[in-house]
Amino acid sequence: MFKFSRMNLILALASCAYIFLRAGEVQASWVTYEYEDAFDDHQKIYAVTVNSDDTWLILKCNEYMDFAYLYFYLGEYINSGKQIDARVRFDKNDISKISGWADDQGFGVFDLRQLGKLLPSMRKYQSLAIEVYDYDFDRIVATYDLEGYTSAEQMVRSTCIVPVD
């Protein structure tokens, strides 16, 4: 029997975003979607950007605490349920280290301090590259276009707390 988890929901939503982006119906690289929380009936908004190589980045509310988090879907098995480090680079600037959680084919950033490092730069720069190493120490790299991120973040901010700095 198929178990429906939050990750399956996120993957399904990202797939829909991918279809819309491929269909040319969305002009910006970031797309926002509104949904209703099943338990408190509050409207929530998430934002996603999908690359042509089927990697994607999502800014979404954590339903338990009403804080936003980032999830990088990298398309390759990384690890499951382990806290790992990653490196990020905005445009062609210096490389920074961040920590997050490996979840099968993705990397989630939930910690407010880590988000405080990432989100201000996402508002400022045009691209974000992330590098993680999988369970077998193979390097995985993805790059995301940040055009339209700031307005997408403002939409998400209307329904949950997004760290400012």
N, C-alpha and C. Protein backbone atom coordinates (compact mmCIF):
# COMPACT_ATOMS: atom_id res chain seq x y z
N MET A 1 0.84 -1.18 0.00
CA MET A 1 0.00 0.00 0.00
C MET A 1 0.88 1.24 0.00
N PHE A 2 0.48 2.24 -0.75
CA PHE A 2 1.24 3.49 -0.87
C PHE A 2 1.03 4.35 0.36
N LYS A 3 2.13 4.75 1.00
CA LYS A 3 2.07 5.63 2.15
C LYS A 3 2.28 7.07 1.67
N PHE A 4 1.32 7.93 1.95
CA PHE A 4 1.39 9.31 1.52
C PHE A 4 2.07 10.14 2.60
N SER A 5 3.25 10.63 2.33
CA SER A 5 4.00 11.42 3.30
C SER A 5 4.13 12.86 2.82
N ARG A 6 4.67 13.70 3.67
CA ARG A 6 4.91 15.10 3.29
C ARG A 6 5.86 15.17 2.11
N MET A 7 6.87 14.29 2.10
CA MET A 7 7.83 14.31 1.01
C MET A 7 7.13 13.96 -0.31
N ASN A 8 6.24 12.99 -0.28
CA ASN A 8 5.50 12.64 -1.50
C ASN A 8 4.65 13.82 -1.97
N LEU A 9 4.07 14.55 -1.03
CA LEU A 9 3.29 15.73 -1.38
C LEU A 9 4.18 16.78 -2.03
N ILE A 10 5.33 17.03 -1.44
CA ILE A 10 6.25 18.02 -1.98
C ILE A 10 6.69 17.61 -3.39
N LEU A 11 7.01 16.34 -3.57
CA LEU A 11 7.41 15.86 -4.89
C LEU A 11 6.29 16.03 -5.90
N ALA A 12 5.06 15.73 -5.48
CA ALA A 12 3.92 15.88 -6.39
C ALA A 12 3.72 17.35 -6.77
N LEU A 13 3.84 18.23 -5.78
CA LEU A 13 3.66 19.66 -6.04
C LEU A 13 4.76 20.18 -6.95
N ALA A 14 5.98 19.74 -6.71
CA ALA A 14 7.09 20.17 -7.56
C ALA A 14 6.92 19.65 -8.98
N SER A 15 6.39 18.45 -9.12
CA SER A 15 6.12 17.90 -10.45
C SER A 15 5.11 18.77 -11.20
N CYS A 16 4.09 19.21 -10.48
CA CYS A 16 3.10 20.11 -11.10
C CYS A 16 3.76 21.41 -11.52
N ALA A 17 4.61 21.95 -10.66
CA ALA A 17 5.32 23.18 -11.00
C ALA A 17 6.19 22.97 -12.23
N TYR A 18 6.84 21.82 -12.29
CA TYR A 18 7.69 21.49 -13.42
C TYR A 18 6.87 21.47 -14.72
N ILE A 19 5.70 20.87 -14.68
CA ILE A 19 4.84 20.81 -15.85
C ILE A 19 4.44 22.21 -16.30
N PHE A 20 4.06 23.06 -15.33
CA PHE A 20 3.68 24.43 -15.67
C PHE A 20 4.86 25.19 -16.27
N LEU A 21 6.04 25.03 -15.69
CA LEU A 21 7.21 25.73 -16.21
C LEU A 21 7.54 25.25 -17.62
N ARG A 22 7.46 23.96 -17.85
CA ARG A 22 7.73 23.40 -19.17
C ARG A 22 6.69 23.85 -20.18
N ALA A 23 5.47 24.04 -19.74
CA ALA A 23 4.39 24.42 -20.66
C ALA A 23 4.49 25.89 -21.06
N GLY A 24 5.35 26.64 -20.41
CA GLY A 24 5.53 28.03 -20.75
C GLY A 24 4.46 28.94 -20.20
N GLU A 25 3.68 28.48 -19.24
CA GLU A 25 2.61 29.29 -18.68
C GLU A 25 3.11 30.25 -17.60
N VAL A 26 4.33 30.06 -17.16
CA VAL A 26 4.88 30.89 -16.10
C VAL A 26 6.09 31.63 -16.66
N GLN A 27 6.11 32.93 -16.49
CA GLN A 27 7.20 33.72 -17.03
C GLN A 27 8.40 33.78 -16.09
N ALA A 28 8.18 33.90 -14.80
CA ALA A 28 9.27 34.00 -13.83
C ALA A 28 9.82 32.61 -13.53
N SER A 29 11.02 32.58 -12.97
CA SER A 29 11.61 31.28 -12.64
C SER A 29 11.05 30.73 -11.33
N TRP A 30 10.42 31.56 -10.52
CA TRP A 30 9.79 31.10 -9.27
C TRP A 30 8.28 31.13 -9.41
N VAL A 31 7.63 30.08 -8.97
CA VAL A 31 6.19 29.96 -9.04
C VAL A 31 5.66 29.80 -7.62
N THR A 32 4.55 30.45 -7.31
CA THR A 32 3.94 30.29 -5.99
C THR A 32 2.62 29.54 -6.12
N TYR A 33 2.34 28.74 -5.10
CA TYR A 33 1.10 27.98 -5.04
C TYR A 33 0.47 28.15 -3.67
N GLU A 34 -0.83 28.26 -3.64
CA GLU A 34 -1.57 28.40 -2.39
C GLU A 34 -2.26 27.08 -2.08
N TYR A 35 -2.25 26.72 -0.79
CA TYR A 35 -2.94 25.51 -0.37
C TYR A 35 -3.50 25.74 1.03
N GLU A 36 -4.43 24.90 1.43
CA GLU A 36 -5.05 25.03 2.75
C GLU A 36 -4.52 23.93 3.66
N ASP A 37 -4.08 24.33 4.86
CA ASP A 37 -3.61 23.36 5.84
C ASP A 37 -4.79 22.49 6.28
N ALA A 38 -4.59 21.20 6.25
CA ALA A 38 -5.67 20.25 6.53
C ALA A 38 -6.13 20.26 7.99
N PHE A 39 -5.29 20.77 8.89
CA PHE A 39 -5.65 20.71 10.30
C PHE A 39 -6.11 22.04 10.88
N ASP A 40 -5.56 23.14 10.40
CA ASP A 40 -6.00 24.41 10.97
C ASP A 40 -6.75 25.28 9.96
N ASP A 41 -6.94 24.78 8.74
CA ASP A 41 -7.69 25.47 7.69
C ASP A 41 -7.12 26.82 7.28
N HIS A 42 -5.87 27.10 7.65
CA HIS A 42 -5.23 28.34 7.24
C HIS A 42 -4.66 28.19 5.83
N GLN A 43 -4.71 29.27 5.10
CA GLN A 43 -4.12 29.28 3.77
C GLN A 43 -2.61 29.40 3.92
N LYS A 44 -1.88 28.63 3.14
CA LYS A 44 -0.42 28.68 3.11
C LYS A 44 0.01 28.84 1.67
N ILE A 45 1.19 29.37 1.49
CA ILE A 45 1.74 29.55 0.15
C ILE A 45 3.16 28.99 0.15
N TYR A 46 3.51 28.29 -0.91
CA TYR A 46 4.90 27.88 -1.07
C TYR A 46 5.38 28.36 -2.43
N ALA A 47 6.70 28.47 -2.55
CA ALA A 47 7.33 28.93 -3.78
C ALA A 47 8.33 27.88 -4.24
N VAL A 48 8.39 27.67 -5.55
CA VAL A 48 9.29 26.65 -6.09
C VAL A 48 9.88 27.13 -7.41
N THR A 49 11.12 26.72 -7.66
CA THR A 49 11.75 26.90 -8.96
C THR A 49 12.25 25.53 -9.40
N VAL A 50 12.06 25.22 -10.67
CA VAL A 50 12.42 23.90 -11.19
C VAL A 50 13.38 24.09 -12.36
N ASN A 51 14.48 23.33 -12.31
CA ASN A 51 15.48 23.39 -13.37
C ASN A 51 15.17 22.39 -14.47
N SER A 52 15.80 22.58 -15.61
CA SER A 52 15.59 21.66 -16.73
C SER A 52 16.13 20.26 -16.46
N ASP A 53 17.04 20.13 -15.48
CA ASP A 53 17.56 18.80 -15.13
C ASP A 53 16.75 18.14 -14.02
N ASP A 54 15.56 18.66 -13.77
CA ASP A 54 14.62 18.13 -12.78
C ASP A 54 15.08 18.30 -11.33
N THR A 55 16.03 19.18 -11.07
CA THR A 55 16.33 19.57 -9.70
C THR A 55 15.45 20.77 -9.40
N TRP A 56 15.10 20.93 -8.14
CA TRP A 56 14.25 22.06 -7.78
C TRP A 56 14.54 22.53 -6.37
N LEU A 57 14.10 23.74 -6.09
CA LEU A 57 14.28 24.38 -4.78
C LEU A 57 12.93 24.93 -4.36
N ILE A 58 12.56 24.66 -3.11
CA ILE A 58 11.25 25.08 -2.62
C ILE A 58 11.42 25.85 -1.31
N LEU A 59 10.66 26.91 -1.16
CA LEU A 59 10.53 27.66 0.10
C LEU A 59 9.11 27.40 0.57
N LYS A 60 8.98 26.78 1.72
CA LYS A 60 7.67 26.33 2.18
C LYS A 60 7.54 26.52 3.68
N CYS A 61 6.31 26.66 4.16
CA CYS A 61 6.07 26.75 5.60
C CYS A 61 6.17 25.38 6.26
N ASN A 62 6.80 25.36 7.42
CA ASN A 62 6.79 24.17 8.26
C ASN A 62 5.46 24.22 9.01
N GLU A 63 4.59 23.28 8.74
CA GLU A 63 3.24 23.31 9.30
C GLU A 63 3.22 23.24 10.83
N TYR A 64 4.29 22.73 11.42
CA TYR A 64 4.31 22.57 12.87
C TYR A 64 4.66 23.86 13.61
N MET A 65 5.50 24.69 13.00
CA MET A 65 5.97 25.87 13.71
C MET A 65 5.69 27.19 12.99
N ASP A 66 5.11 27.13 11.81
CA ASP A 66 4.84 28.32 11.00
C ASP A 66 6.09 29.09 10.59
N PHE A 67 7.23 28.41 10.55
CA PHE A 67 8.44 29.01 10.01
C PHE A 67 8.71 28.40 8.65
N ALA A 68 9.29 29.19 7.76
CA ALA A 68 9.62 28.69 6.44
C ALA A 68 10.90 27.85 6.49
N TYR A 69 11.03 26.98 5.52
CA TYR A 69 12.26 26.22 5.35
C TYR A 69 12.56 26.10 3.86
N LEU A 70 13.81 25.75 3.55
CA LEU A 70 14.24 25.52 2.17
C LEU A 70 14.48 24.04 1.97
N TYR A 71 14.07 23.54 0.81
CA TYR A 71 14.34 22.16 0.47
C TYR A 71 14.90 22.11 -0.95
N PHE A 72 16.10 21.57 -1.07
CA PHE A 72 16.77 21.41 -2.35
C PHE A 72 16.56 19.97 -2.81
N TYR A 73 15.84 19.77 -3.89
CA TYR A 73 15.70 18.44 -4.47
C TYR A 73 16.80 18.30 -5.50
N LEU A 74 17.70 17.31 -5.29
CA LEU A 74 18.89 17.18 -6.12
C LEU A 74 18.85 16.01 -7.09
N GLY A 75 17.84 15.17 -6.98
CA GLY A 75 17.64 14.12 -7.97
C GLY A 75 18.52 12.90 -7.86
N GLU A 76 19.38 12.85 -6.85
CA GLU A 76 20.24 11.69 -6.63
C GLU A 76 20.18 11.33 -5.16
N TYR A 77 20.27 10.03 -4.86
CA TYR A 77 20.20 9.61 -3.46
C TYR A 77 21.40 10.17 -2.70
N ILE A 78 21.11 10.87 -1.60
CA ILE A 78 22.16 11.48 -0.79
C ILE A 78 22.36 10.64 0.47
N ASN A 79 21.34 10.59 1.27
CA ASN A 79 21.34 9.87 2.53
C ASN A 79 19.94 10.03 3.09
N SER A 80 19.65 9.40 4.19
CA SER A 80 18.31 9.54 4.73
C SER A 80 18.36 9.84 6.21
N GLY A 81 17.84 11.00 6.56
CA GLY A 81 17.70 11.36 7.96
C GLY A 81 18.98 11.73 8.67
N LYS A 82 20.00 12.13 7.95
CA LYS A 82 21.27 12.52 8.57
C LYS A 82 21.51 14.02 8.41
N GLN A 83 22.06 14.61 9.46
CA GLN A 83 22.47 16.00 9.33
C GLN A 83 23.82 16.02 8.64
N ILE A 84 23.92 16.83 7.59
CA ILE A 84 25.16 16.93 6.83
C ILE A 84 25.46 18.39 6.52
N ASP A 85 26.68 18.63 6.09
CA ASP A 85 27.07 19.96 5.66
C ASP A 85 27.00 20.05 4.14
N ALA A 86 26.81 21.26 3.68
CA ALA A 86 26.81 21.55 2.25
C ALA A 86 27.56 22.86 2.05
N ARG A 87 27.90 23.12 0.82
CA ARG A 87 28.51 24.40 0.49
C ARG A 87 27.61 25.10 -0.51
N VAL A 88 27.49 26.42 -0.36
CA VAL A 88 26.70 27.22 -1.28
C VAL A 88 27.54 28.37 -1.82
N ARG A 89 27.16 28.80 -3.01
CA ARG A 89 27.84 29.93 -3.63
C ARG A 89 26.81 30.74 -4.40
N PHE A 90 26.79 32.04 -4.14
CA PHE A 90 25.89 32.95 -4.83
C PHE A 90 26.65 33.66 -5.93
N ASP A 91 26.07 33.63 -7.13
CA ASP A 91 26.73 34.18 -8.31
C ASP A 91 28.15 33.61 -8.38
N LYS A 92 29.13 34.42 -8.50
CA LYS A 92 30.53 33.95 -8.55
C LYS A 92 31.29 34.42 -7.31
N ASN A 93 30.58 34.54 -6.19
CA ASN A 93 31.18 35.06 -4.96
C ASN A 93 31.77 33.94 -4.12
N ASP A 94 32.14 34.28 -2.89
CA ASP A 94 32.76 33.33 -1.99
C ASP A 94 31.84 32.15 -1.67
N ILE A 95 32.43 31.05 -1.29
CA ILE A 95 31.72 29.83 -0.92
C ILE A 95 31.46 29.85 0.58
N SER A 96 30.26 29.46 1.00
CA SER A 96 29.90 29.38 2.41
C SER A 96 29.45 27.97 2.75
N LYS A 97 29.65 27.61 4.00
CA LYS A 97 29.22 26.30 4.48
C LYS A 97 27.91 26.45 5.24
N ILE A 98 26.97 25.51 4.99
CA ILE A 98 25.71 25.48 5.73
C ILE A 98 25.47 24.05 6.20
N SER A 99 24.57 23.91 7.15
CA SER A 99 24.18 22.59 7.63
C SER A 99 22.70 22.38 7.38
N GLY A 100 22.34 21.13 7.16
CA GLY A 100 20.94 20.79 6.94
C GLY A 100 20.75 19.29 7.07
N TRP A 101 19.62 18.81 6.60
CA TRP A 101 19.27 17.40 6.74
C TRP A 101 19.12 16.75 5.38
N ALA A 102 19.82 15.64 5.20
CA ALA A 102 19.68 14.85 3.98
C ALA A 102 18.40 14.04 4.09
N ASP A 103 17.65 14.03 3.01
CA ASP A 103 16.39 13.28 2.98
C ASP A 103 16.29 12.60 1.61
N ASP A 104 16.80 11.40 1.52
CA ASP A 104 16.82 10.65 0.27
C ASP A 104 17.50 11.47 -0.83
N GLN A 105 16.72 12.12 -1.68
CA GLN A 105 17.29 12.85 -2.81
C GLN A 105 17.31 14.36 -2.61
N GLY A 106 17.23 14.78 -1.37
CA GLY A 106 17.18 16.21 -1.11
C GLY A 106 17.95 16.63 0.12
N PHE A 107 18.00 17.92 0.29
CA PHE A 107 18.71 18.55 1.40
C PHE A 107 17.80 19.65 1.94
N GLY A 108 17.39 19.53 3.21
CA GLY A 108 16.50 20.51 3.83
C GLY A 108 17.22 21.39 4.82
N VAL A 109 16.90 22.66 4.79
CA VAL A 109 17.46 23.63 5.74
C VAL A 109 16.30 24.16 6.57
N PHE A 110 16.30 23.79 7.86
CA PHE A 110 15.21 24.15 8.76
C PHE A 110 15.66 25.12 9.85
N ASP A 111 16.93 25.11 10.18
CA ASP A 111 17.47 25.92 11.27
C ASP A 111 17.42 27.41 10.92
N LEU A 112 16.88 28.20 11.83
CA LEU A 112 16.72 29.64 11.56
C LEU A 112 18.06 30.35 11.35
N ARG A 113 19.10 29.91 12.05
CA ARG A 113 20.42 30.54 11.85
C ARG A 113 20.94 30.27 10.45
N GLN A 114 20.74 29.03 9.97
CA GLN A 114 21.18 28.69 8.62
C GLN A 114 20.36 29.45 7.58
N LEU A 115 19.06 29.53 7.81
CA LEU A 115 18.21 30.30 6.90
C LEU A 115 18.58 31.77 6.90
N GLY A 116 18.99 32.26 8.06
CA GLY A 116 19.42 33.65 8.17
C GLY A 116 20.66 33.94 7.33
N LYS A 117 21.45 32.90 7.04
CA LYS A 117 22.60 33.05 6.14
C LYS A 117 22.16 33.02 4.68
N LEU A 118 21.20 32.17 4.37
CA LEU A 118 20.83 31.93 2.98
C LEU A 118 19.85 32.95 2.41
N LEU A 119 18.77 33.20 3.12
CA LEU A 119 17.67 33.97 2.54
C LEU A 119 18.05 35.40 2.16
N PRO A 120 18.81 36.14 2.98
CA PRO A 120 19.18 37.50 2.54
C PRO A 120 19.99 37.48 1.24
N SER A 121 20.85 36.49 1.08
CA SER A 121 21.64 36.39 -0.15
C SER A 121 20.77 35.99 -1.33
N MET A 122 19.75 35.16 -1.08
CA MET A 122 18.84 34.77 -2.15
C MET A 122 18.08 35.98 -2.69
N ARG A 123 17.85 36.97 -1.82
CA ARG A 123 17.18 38.19 -2.26
C ARG A 123 18.11 39.09 -3.07
N LYS A 124 19.40 38.96 -2.83
CA LYS A 124 20.39 39.89 -3.37
C LYS A 124 21.01 39.43 -4.69
N TYR A 125 21.20 38.12 -4.87
CA TYR A 125 21.95 37.61 -6.01
C TYR A 125 21.04 36.97 -7.05
N GLN A 126 21.65 36.61 -8.19
CA GLN A 126 20.90 36.06 -9.32
C GLN A 126 20.90 34.53 -9.38
N SER A 127 21.92 33.89 -8.78
CA SER A 127 21.98 32.42 -8.84
C SER A 127 22.55 31.87 -7.54
N LEU A 128 22.20 30.63 -7.27
CA LEU A 128 22.66 29.91 -6.08
C LEU A 128 23.11 28.52 -6.51
N ALA A 129 24.33 28.17 -6.17
CA ALA A 129 24.84 26.82 -6.42
C ALA A 129 24.98 26.13 -5.07
N ILE A 130 24.62 24.85 -5.01
CA ILE A 130 24.77 24.06 -3.80
C ILE A 130 25.57 22.81 -4.13
N GLU A 131 26.43 22.43 -3.20
CA GLU A 131 27.25 21.23 -3.35
C GLU A 131 27.07 20.38 -2.09
N VAL A 132 26.70 19.13 -2.28
CA VAL A 132 26.62 18.17 -1.18
C VAL A 132 27.35 16.90 -1.61
N TYR A 133 27.71 16.11 -0.63
CA TYR A 133 28.32 14.81 -0.90
C TYR A 133 27.37 13.74 -0.41
N ASP A 134 27.17 12.72 -1.24
CA ASP A 134 26.24 11.66 -0.88
C ASP A 134 26.87 10.66 0.09
N TYR A 135 26.13 9.62 0.40
CA TYR A 135 26.55 8.60 1.36
C TYR A 135 27.87 7.94 0.95
N ASP A 136 28.19 7.95 -0.34
CA ASP A 136 29.39 7.31 -0.86
C ASP A 136 30.47 8.34 -1.21
N PHE A 137 30.28 9.58 -0.74
CA PHE A 137 31.19 10.70 -0.93
C PHE A 137 31.32 11.13 -2.40
N ASP A 138 30.26 10.89 -3.18
CA ASP A 138 30.20 11.43 -4.53
C ASP A 138 29.62 12.83 -4.46
N ARG A 139 30.17 13.71 -5.23
CA ARG A 139 29.78 15.12 -5.23
C ARG A 139 28.52 15.32 -6.07
N ILE A 140 27.57 16.09 -5.52
CA ILE A 140 26.34 16.45 -6.22
C ILE A 140 26.24 17.98 -6.20
N VAL A 141 26.06 18.57 -7.37
CA VAL A 141 25.98 20.03 -7.50
C VAL A 141 24.74 20.40 -8.29
N ALA A 142 24.05 21.41 -7.83
CA ALA A 142 22.91 21.96 -8.57
C ALA A 142 22.97 23.48 -8.48
N THR A 143 22.50 24.15 -9.51
CA THR A 143 22.47 25.61 -9.55
C THR A 143 21.03 26.06 -9.81
N TYR A 144 20.60 27.09 -9.10
CA TYR A 144 19.22 27.57 -9.19
C TYR A 144 19.21 29.05 -9.57
N ASP A 145 18.29 29.41 -10.44
CA ASP A 145 18.07 30.79 -10.85
C ASP A 145 17.23 31.48 -9.77
N LEU A 146 17.68 32.62 -9.30
CA LEU A 146 16.97 33.33 -8.24
C LEU A 146 16.12 34.49 -8.76
N GLU A 147 16.01 34.62 -10.07
CA GLU A 147 15.16 35.67 -10.62
C GLU A 147 13.72 35.44 -10.16
N GLY A 148 13.13 36.46 -9.58
CA GLY A 148 11.75 36.36 -9.10
C GLY A 148 11.62 35.82 -7.68
N TYR A 149 12.76 35.47 -7.05
CA TYR A 149 12.69 34.89 -5.70
C TYR A 149 12.10 35.88 -4.69
N THR A 150 12.52 37.13 -4.73
CA THR A 150 12.09 38.09 -3.71
C THR A 150 10.57 38.25 -3.68
N SER A 151 9.94 38.38 -4.83
CA SER A 151 8.48 38.51 -4.83
C SER A 151 7.81 37.21 -4.41
N ALA A 152 8.40 36.06 -4.77
CA ALA A 152 7.86 34.77 -4.34
C ALA A 152 7.96 34.64 -2.81
N GLU A 153 9.09 35.08 -2.26
CA GLU A 153 9.26 35.02 -0.80
C GLU A 153 8.23 35.90 -0.10
N GLN A 154 7.94 37.06 -0.66
CA GLN A 154 6.94 37.94 -0.05
C GLN A 154 5.57 37.26 0.01
N MET A 155 5.25 36.48 -1.00
CA MET A 155 3.98 35.75 -0.98
C MET A 155 3.98 34.70 0.13
N VAL A 156 5.08 33.97 0.26
CA VAL A 156 5.19 32.95 1.32
C VAL A 156 5.11 33.63 2.67
N ARG A 157 5.78 34.78 2.81
CA ARG A 157 5.81 35.52 4.06
C ARG A 157 4.41 35.94 4.51
N SER A 158 3.49 36.07 3.57
CA SER A 158 2.13 36.48 3.95
C SER A 158 1.40 35.42 4.75
N THR A 159 1.90 34.16 4.72
CA THR A 159 1.22 33.09 5.45
C THR A 159 2.09 32.38 6.49
N CYS A 160 3.38 32.73 6.56
CA CYS A 160 4.22 32.14 7.59
C CYS A 160 5.44 33.02 7.83
N ILE A 161 6.22 32.68 8.82
CA ILE A 161 7.36 33.49 9.23
C ILE A 161 8.58 33.11 8.39
N VAL A 162 9.14 34.09 7.69
CA VAL A 162 10.35 33.91 6.91
C VAL A 162 11.42 34.77 7.56
N PRO A 163 12.55 34.18 7.99
CA PRO A 163 13.61 34.99 8.61
C PRO A 163 14.05 36.12 7.70
N VAL A 164 14.20 37.30 8.27
CA VAL A 164 14.57 38.48 7.49
C VAL A 164 16.07 38.56 7.35
N ASP A 165 16.82 38.43 8.42
CA ASP A 165 18.29 38.48 8.36
C ASP A 165 18.89 37.41 9.22
